[in-house]
Amino acid sequence: MPTPIQYQISCEKDGPTVKATYDLIAPVGGTALIASFSLAVDGKELIDQIHWISGQARFNGTHFTQLDHPDNDVTVAFSISSNEGWNAADNDILRGDKRFDEVSFDNS
C-alpha cells in the first residue's frame, strides 16, 4: 500500500483577497516523495508549475490571490500525488455571501 503524504491546506477569504497556505510532508525515513501538487482558487492555479520541483520531501508556503467577483461562490480544489502511486484530491466552496470565509483540508 502506498505511503500517504501528510497535508494541511487552508484558504481564507477576506473580501476579494484569498490567502492560501499549505504544508505537505512525506514521511521521514521512507521512500515516498511528493510527485505533484496543484491548488486552484476560482480556476486560478496558485502553484507555479515552472518552479515546482517533483520529488520533494516537504513543500510549504503561502500564496495570495484576488477574486474577480468576490460576491460569487468560488471553488477551491487541490490534488496531490506521490511517487508511490498515492493520491488525494478534494474541493470546497468559499461562499460569496460571506466577507470572511475559510475552507481547509488535511489528513493529519
N, C-alpha and C. Protein backbone atom coordinates (compact mmCIF):
# COMPACT_ATOMS: atom_id res chain seq x y z
N MET A 1 0.85 -1.19 0.00
CA MET A 1 0.00 0.00 0.00
C MET A 1 0.89 1.25 0.00
N PRO A 2 0.62 2.22 -0.86
CA PRO A 2 1.41 3.45 -0.94
C PRO A 2 1.34 4.25 0.37
N THR A 3 2.44 4.87 0.71
CA THR A 3 2.52 5.71 1.91
C THR A 3 1.89 7.07 1.62
N PRO A 4 0.96 7.50 2.46
CA PRO A 4 0.34 8.81 2.21
C PRO A 4 1.27 9.98 2.56
N ILE A 5 1.11 11.04 1.81
CA ILE A 5 1.76 12.32 2.11
C ILE A 5 0.85 13.04 3.12
N GLN A 6 1.41 13.55 4.19
CA GLN A 6 0.62 14.32 5.15
C GLN A 6 0.43 15.73 4.60
N TYR A 7 -0.78 16.27 4.71
CA TYR A 7 -1.02 17.62 4.18
C TYR A 7 -1.98 18.39 5.04
N GLN A 8 -1.77 19.71 5.06
CA GLN A 8 -2.67 20.68 5.65
C GLN A 8 -2.76 21.84 4.66
N ILE A 9 -3.97 22.14 4.22
CA ILE A 9 -4.20 23.21 3.25
C ILE A 9 -5.33 24.08 3.78
N SER A 10 -5.15 25.39 3.75
CA SER A 10 -6.18 26.31 4.22
C SER A 10 -6.28 27.50 3.27
N CYS A 11 -7.51 27.91 2.98
CA CYS A 11 -7.76 29.11 2.17
C CYS A 11 -8.71 30.00 2.94
N GLU A 12 -8.27 31.24 3.21
CA GLU A 12 -9.05 32.21 3.96
C GLU A 12 -9.44 33.37 3.07
N LYS A 13 -10.73 33.63 2.99
CA LYS A 13 -11.25 34.74 2.18
C LYS A 13 -11.50 35.94 3.07
N ASP A 14 -11.03 37.10 2.62
CA ASP A 14 -11.30 38.39 3.27
C ASP A 14 -11.70 39.35 2.16
N GLY A 15 -12.99 39.43 1.87
CA GLY A 15 -13.45 40.24 0.75
C GLY A 15 -12.92 39.66 -0.55
N PRO A 16 -12.21 40.44 -1.36
CA PRO A 16 -11.70 39.94 -2.63
C PRO A 16 -10.36 39.20 -2.53
N THR A 17 -9.75 39.21 -1.33
CA THR A 17 -8.43 38.59 -1.15
C THR A 17 -8.56 37.20 -0.55
N VAL A 18 -7.83 36.24 -1.13
CA VAL A 18 -7.78 34.89 -0.58
C VAL A 18 -6.32 34.57 -0.26
N LYS A 19 -6.10 34.14 0.98
CA LYS A 19 -4.77 33.70 1.43
C LYS A 19 -4.80 32.17 1.50
N ALA A 20 -3.92 31.55 0.74
CA ALA A 20 -3.83 30.09 0.72
C ALA A 20 -2.52 29.66 1.37
N THR A 21 -2.58 28.79 2.36
CA THR A 21 -1.39 28.24 2.99
C THR A 21 -1.42 26.73 2.86
N TYR A 22 -0.24 26.13 2.74
CA TYR A 22 -0.17 24.68 2.57
C TYR A 22 1.12 24.16 3.17
N ASP A 23 1.05 22.91 3.62
CA ASP A 23 2.21 22.22 4.18
C ASP A 23 2.04 20.74 3.85
N LEU A 24 2.91 20.22 2.99
CA LEU A 24 2.90 18.82 2.58
C LEU A 24 4.19 18.18 3.05
N ILE A 25 4.09 16.99 3.65
CA ILE A 25 5.27 16.33 4.19
C ILE A 25 5.22 14.84 3.87
N ALA A 26 6.30 14.34 3.27
CA ALA A 26 6.46 12.90 3.08
C ALA A 26 7.00 12.32 4.39
N PRO A 27 6.58 11.10 4.74
CA PRO A 27 7.06 10.51 5.99
C PRO A 27 8.59 10.39 6.02
N VAL A 28 9.17 10.73 7.16
CA VAL A 28 10.62 10.68 7.34
C VAL A 28 11.09 9.22 7.32
N GLY A 29 12.17 8.97 6.63
CA GLY A 29 12.76 7.65 6.60
C GLY A 29 12.17 6.70 5.58
N GLY A 30 11.13 7.12 4.89
CA GLY A 30 10.52 6.27 3.88
C GLY A 30 10.99 6.63 2.48
N THR A 31 10.40 5.97 1.50
CA THR A 31 10.77 6.24 0.11
C THR A 31 9.78 7.17 -0.60
N ALA A 32 8.68 7.52 0.08
CA ALA A 32 7.67 8.37 -0.54
C ALA A 32 8.18 9.79 -0.71
N LEU A 33 7.88 10.38 -1.87
CA LEU A 33 8.18 11.78 -2.17
C LEU A 33 6.95 12.40 -2.82
N ILE A 34 6.87 13.71 -2.77
CA ILE A 34 5.74 14.42 -3.38
C ILE A 34 6.00 14.51 -4.88
N ALA A 35 5.15 13.87 -5.66
CA ALA A 35 5.33 13.86 -7.12
C ALA A 35 4.65 15.05 -7.78
N SER A 36 3.47 15.43 -7.29
CA SER A 36 2.77 16.58 -7.87
C SER A 36 1.87 17.23 -6.84
N PHE A 37 1.63 18.53 -7.04
CA PHE A 37 0.73 19.28 -6.17
C PHE A 37 0.10 20.40 -6.98
N SER A 38 -1.20 20.48 -6.88
CA SER A 38 -1.96 21.53 -7.56
C SER A 38 -2.95 22.13 -6.57
N LEU A 39 -3.07 23.46 -6.57
CA LEU A 39 -4.02 24.16 -5.71
C LEU A 39 -4.61 25.30 -6.53
N ALA A 40 -5.91 25.26 -6.72
CA ALA A 40 -6.58 26.28 -7.54
C ALA A 40 -7.71 26.94 -6.76
N VAL A 41 -7.84 28.25 -6.92
CA VAL A 41 -8.93 29.03 -6.35
C VAL A 41 -9.64 29.72 -7.50
N ASP A 42 -10.92 29.44 -7.64
CA ASP A 42 -11.73 30.02 -8.71
C ASP A 42 -11.10 29.77 -10.09
N GLY A 43 -10.52 28.57 -10.26
CA GLY A 43 -9.91 28.20 -11.54
C GLY A 43 -8.50 28.72 -11.76
N LYS A 44 -7.97 29.51 -10.82
CA LYS A 44 -6.61 30.04 -10.94
C LYS A 44 -5.63 29.14 -10.20
N GLU A 45 -4.68 28.56 -10.92
CA GLU A 45 -3.65 27.71 -10.30
C GLU A 45 -2.71 28.59 -9.48
N LEU A 46 -2.51 28.22 -8.21
CA LEU A 46 -1.66 29.02 -7.33
C LEU A 46 -0.23 28.49 -7.24
N ILE A 47 -0.03 27.23 -7.59
CA ILE A 47 1.31 26.65 -7.51
C ILE A 47 1.99 26.86 -8.86
N ASP A 48 3.09 27.57 -8.83
CA ASP A 48 3.83 27.90 -10.04
C ASP A 48 4.50 26.64 -10.59
N GLN A 49 3.95 26.09 -11.65
CA GLN A 49 4.46 24.84 -12.21
C GLN A 49 5.86 25.00 -12.83
N ILE A 50 6.26 26.20 -13.11
CA ILE A 50 7.61 26.43 -13.64
C ILE A 50 8.64 26.20 -12.54
N HIS A 51 8.32 26.59 -11.31
CA HIS A 51 9.27 26.46 -10.21
C HIS A 51 9.00 25.24 -9.33
N TRP A 52 7.90 24.53 -9.57
CA TRP A 52 7.60 23.31 -8.80
C TRP A 52 8.63 22.24 -9.18
N ILE A 53 9.21 21.59 -8.19
CA ILE A 53 10.18 20.53 -8.42
C ILE A 53 9.60 19.24 -7.87
N SER A 54 9.33 18.29 -8.73
CA SER A 54 8.82 16.99 -8.33
C SER A 54 9.87 16.25 -7.51
N GLY A 55 9.42 15.45 -6.56
CA GLY A 55 10.33 14.64 -5.78
C GLY A 55 10.78 15.27 -4.47
N GLN A 56 10.07 16.27 -4.01
CA GLN A 56 10.41 16.90 -2.74
C GLN A 56 9.86 16.08 -1.57
N ALA A 57 10.52 16.16 -0.42
CA ALA A 57 10.04 15.50 0.78
C ALA A 57 9.12 16.43 1.58
N ARG A 58 9.27 17.74 1.39
CA ARG A 58 8.40 18.72 2.05
C ARG A 58 8.19 19.90 1.11
N PHE A 59 6.97 20.42 1.13
CA PHE A 59 6.66 21.59 0.32
C PHE A 59 5.65 22.41 1.10
N ASN A 60 5.98 23.67 1.39
CA ASN A 60 5.04 24.52 2.12
C ASN A 60 5.16 25.96 1.62
N GLY A 61 4.16 26.74 1.94
CA GLY A 61 4.20 28.13 1.53
C GLY A 61 2.86 28.81 1.69
N THR A 62 2.82 30.05 1.23
CA THR A 62 1.62 30.89 1.28
C THR A 62 1.51 31.64 -0.04
N HIS A 63 0.32 31.69 -0.57
CA HIS A 63 0.04 32.47 -1.78
C HIS A 63 -1.20 33.31 -1.56
N PHE A 64 -1.25 34.46 -2.21
CA PHE A 64 -2.41 35.32 -2.17
C PHE A 64 -2.96 35.45 -3.59
N THR A 65 -4.27 35.55 -3.69
CA THR A 65 -4.90 35.80 -4.97
C THR A 65 -6.09 36.73 -4.76
N GLN A 66 -6.45 37.43 -5.82
CA GLN A 66 -7.60 38.32 -5.79
C GLN A 66 -8.74 37.70 -6.58
N LEU A 67 -9.94 37.74 -6.01
CA LEU A 67 -11.12 37.22 -6.69
C LEU A 67 -11.67 38.28 -7.64
N ASP A 68 -12.01 37.87 -8.84
CA ASP A 68 -12.60 38.79 -9.81
C ASP A 68 -14.00 39.21 -9.38
N HIS A 69 -14.73 38.29 -8.77
CA HIS A 69 -16.11 38.56 -8.33
C HIS A 69 -16.28 38.01 -6.91
N PRO A 70 -15.85 38.78 -5.90
CA PRO A 70 -15.86 38.28 -4.53
C PRO A 70 -17.25 37.98 -3.97
N ASP A 71 -18.30 38.47 -4.62
CA ASP A 71 -19.66 38.20 -4.15
C ASP A 71 -20.20 36.88 -4.69
N ASN A 72 -19.43 36.20 -5.54
CA ASN A 72 -19.84 34.90 -6.07
C ASN A 72 -19.14 33.78 -5.29
N ASP A 73 -19.81 32.63 -5.19
CA ASP A 73 -19.15 31.45 -4.64
C ASP A 73 -18.00 31.06 -5.55
N VAL A 74 -16.89 30.60 -4.97
CA VAL A 74 -15.75 30.14 -5.76
C VAL A 74 -15.29 28.78 -5.23
N THR A 75 -14.82 27.97 -6.14
CA THR A 75 -14.33 26.65 -5.79
C THR A 75 -12.84 26.69 -5.46
N VAL A 76 -12.47 25.99 -4.40
CA VAL A 76 -11.08 25.74 -4.04
C VAL A 76 -10.86 24.25 -4.26
N ALA A 77 -9.85 23.89 -5.05
CA ALA A 77 -9.59 22.49 -5.36
C ALA A 77 -8.10 22.20 -5.26
N PHE A 78 -7.77 20.99 -4.80
CA PHE A 78 -6.37 20.59 -4.74
C PHE A 78 -6.23 19.14 -5.19
N SER A 79 -5.02 18.80 -5.59
CA SER A 79 -4.65 17.41 -5.84
C SER A 79 -3.19 17.22 -5.49
N ILE A 80 -2.88 16.06 -4.95
CA ILE A 80 -1.52 15.71 -4.55
C ILE A 80 -1.28 14.27 -4.99
N SER A 81 -0.07 13.97 -5.42
CA SER A 81 0.30 12.58 -5.69
C SER A 81 1.71 12.31 -5.20
N SER A 82 2.01 11.04 -4.97
CA SER A 82 3.36 10.64 -4.54
C SER A 82 3.99 9.78 -5.62
N ASN A 83 5.27 9.56 -5.49
CA ASN A 83 5.99 8.69 -6.42
C ASN A 83 5.61 7.22 -6.24
N GLU A 84 4.89 6.90 -5.18
CA GLU A 84 4.48 5.53 -4.90
C GLU A 84 3.06 5.21 -5.38
N GLY A 85 2.43 6.15 -6.06
CA GLY A 85 1.09 5.92 -6.58
C GLY A 85 -0.04 6.37 -5.67
N TRP A 86 0.28 6.96 -4.52
CA TRP A 86 -0.75 7.50 -3.63
C TRP A 86 -1.23 8.83 -4.20
N ASN A 87 -2.51 9.15 -4.05
CA ASN A 87 -3.00 10.47 -4.45
C ASN A 87 -4.18 10.88 -3.59
N ALA A 88 -4.42 12.17 -3.55
CA ALA A 88 -5.55 12.76 -2.83
C ALA A 88 -6.02 13.97 -3.62
N ALA A 89 -7.32 14.20 -3.58
CA ALA A 89 -7.91 15.37 -4.24
C ALA A 89 -9.23 15.68 -3.55
N ASP A 90 -9.57 16.94 -3.53
CA ASP A 90 -10.84 17.36 -2.94
C ASP A 90 -11.14 18.78 -3.38
N ASN A 91 -12.34 19.25 -3.09
CA ASN A 91 -12.69 20.64 -3.37
C ASN A 91 -13.74 21.09 -2.37
N ASP A 92 -13.88 22.39 -2.24
CA ASP A 92 -14.87 23.01 -1.35
C ASP A 92 -15.19 24.39 -1.91
N ILE A 93 -16.10 25.07 -1.26
CA ILE A 93 -16.59 26.37 -1.74
C ILE A 93 -16.30 27.47 -0.73
N LEU A 94 -15.73 28.58 -1.21
CA LEU A 94 -15.69 29.83 -0.45
C LEU A 94 -16.95 30.59 -0.84
N ARG A 95 -17.77 30.90 0.14
CA ARG A 95 -19.09 31.50 -0.13
C ARG A 95 -19.01 32.99 -0.39
N GLY A 96 -19.64 33.41 -1.48
CA GLY A 96 -19.62 34.81 -1.87
C GLY A 96 -20.43 35.70 -0.97
N ASP A 97 -21.45 35.15 -0.30
CA ASP A 97 -22.28 35.98 0.57
C ASP A 97 -21.62 36.25 1.92
N LYS A 98 -20.44 35.71 2.13
CA LYS A 98 -19.69 35.94 3.36
C LYS A 98 -18.42 36.75 3.04
N ARG A 99 -18.23 37.86 3.73
CA ARG A 99 -16.99 38.62 3.53
C ARG A 99 -15.79 37.79 3.97
N PHE A 100 -15.93 37.10 5.11
CA PHE A 100 -14.88 36.24 5.64
C PHE A 100 -15.36 34.79 5.56
N ASP A 101 -14.56 33.94 4.97
CA ASP A 101 -14.89 32.52 4.88
C ASP A 101 -13.58 31.74 4.80
N GLU A 102 -13.63 30.47 5.12
CA GLU A 102 -12.44 29.64 5.11
C GLU A 102 -12.80 28.21 4.74
N VAL A 103 -11.92 27.58 4.01
CA VAL A 103 -12.01 26.14 3.76
C VAL A 103 -10.66 25.53 4.11
N SER A 104 -10.68 24.30 4.57
CA SER A 104 -9.41 23.64 4.90
C SER A 104 -9.52 22.16 4.59
N PHE A 105 -8.36 21.58 4.31
CA PHE A 105 -8.24 20.16 4.01
C PHE A 105 -7.02 19.66 4.77
N ASP A 106 -7.14 18.47 5.38
CA ASP A 106 -5.96 17.86 5.98
C ASP A 106 -6.21 16.37 6.20
N ASN A 107 -5.14 15.64 6.34
CA ASN A 107 -5.24 14.22 6.64
C ASN A 107 -4.38 13.85 7.84
N SER A 108 -4.06 14.85 8.67
CA SER A 108 -3.20 14.57 9.81
C SER A 108 -4.00 14.22 11.04
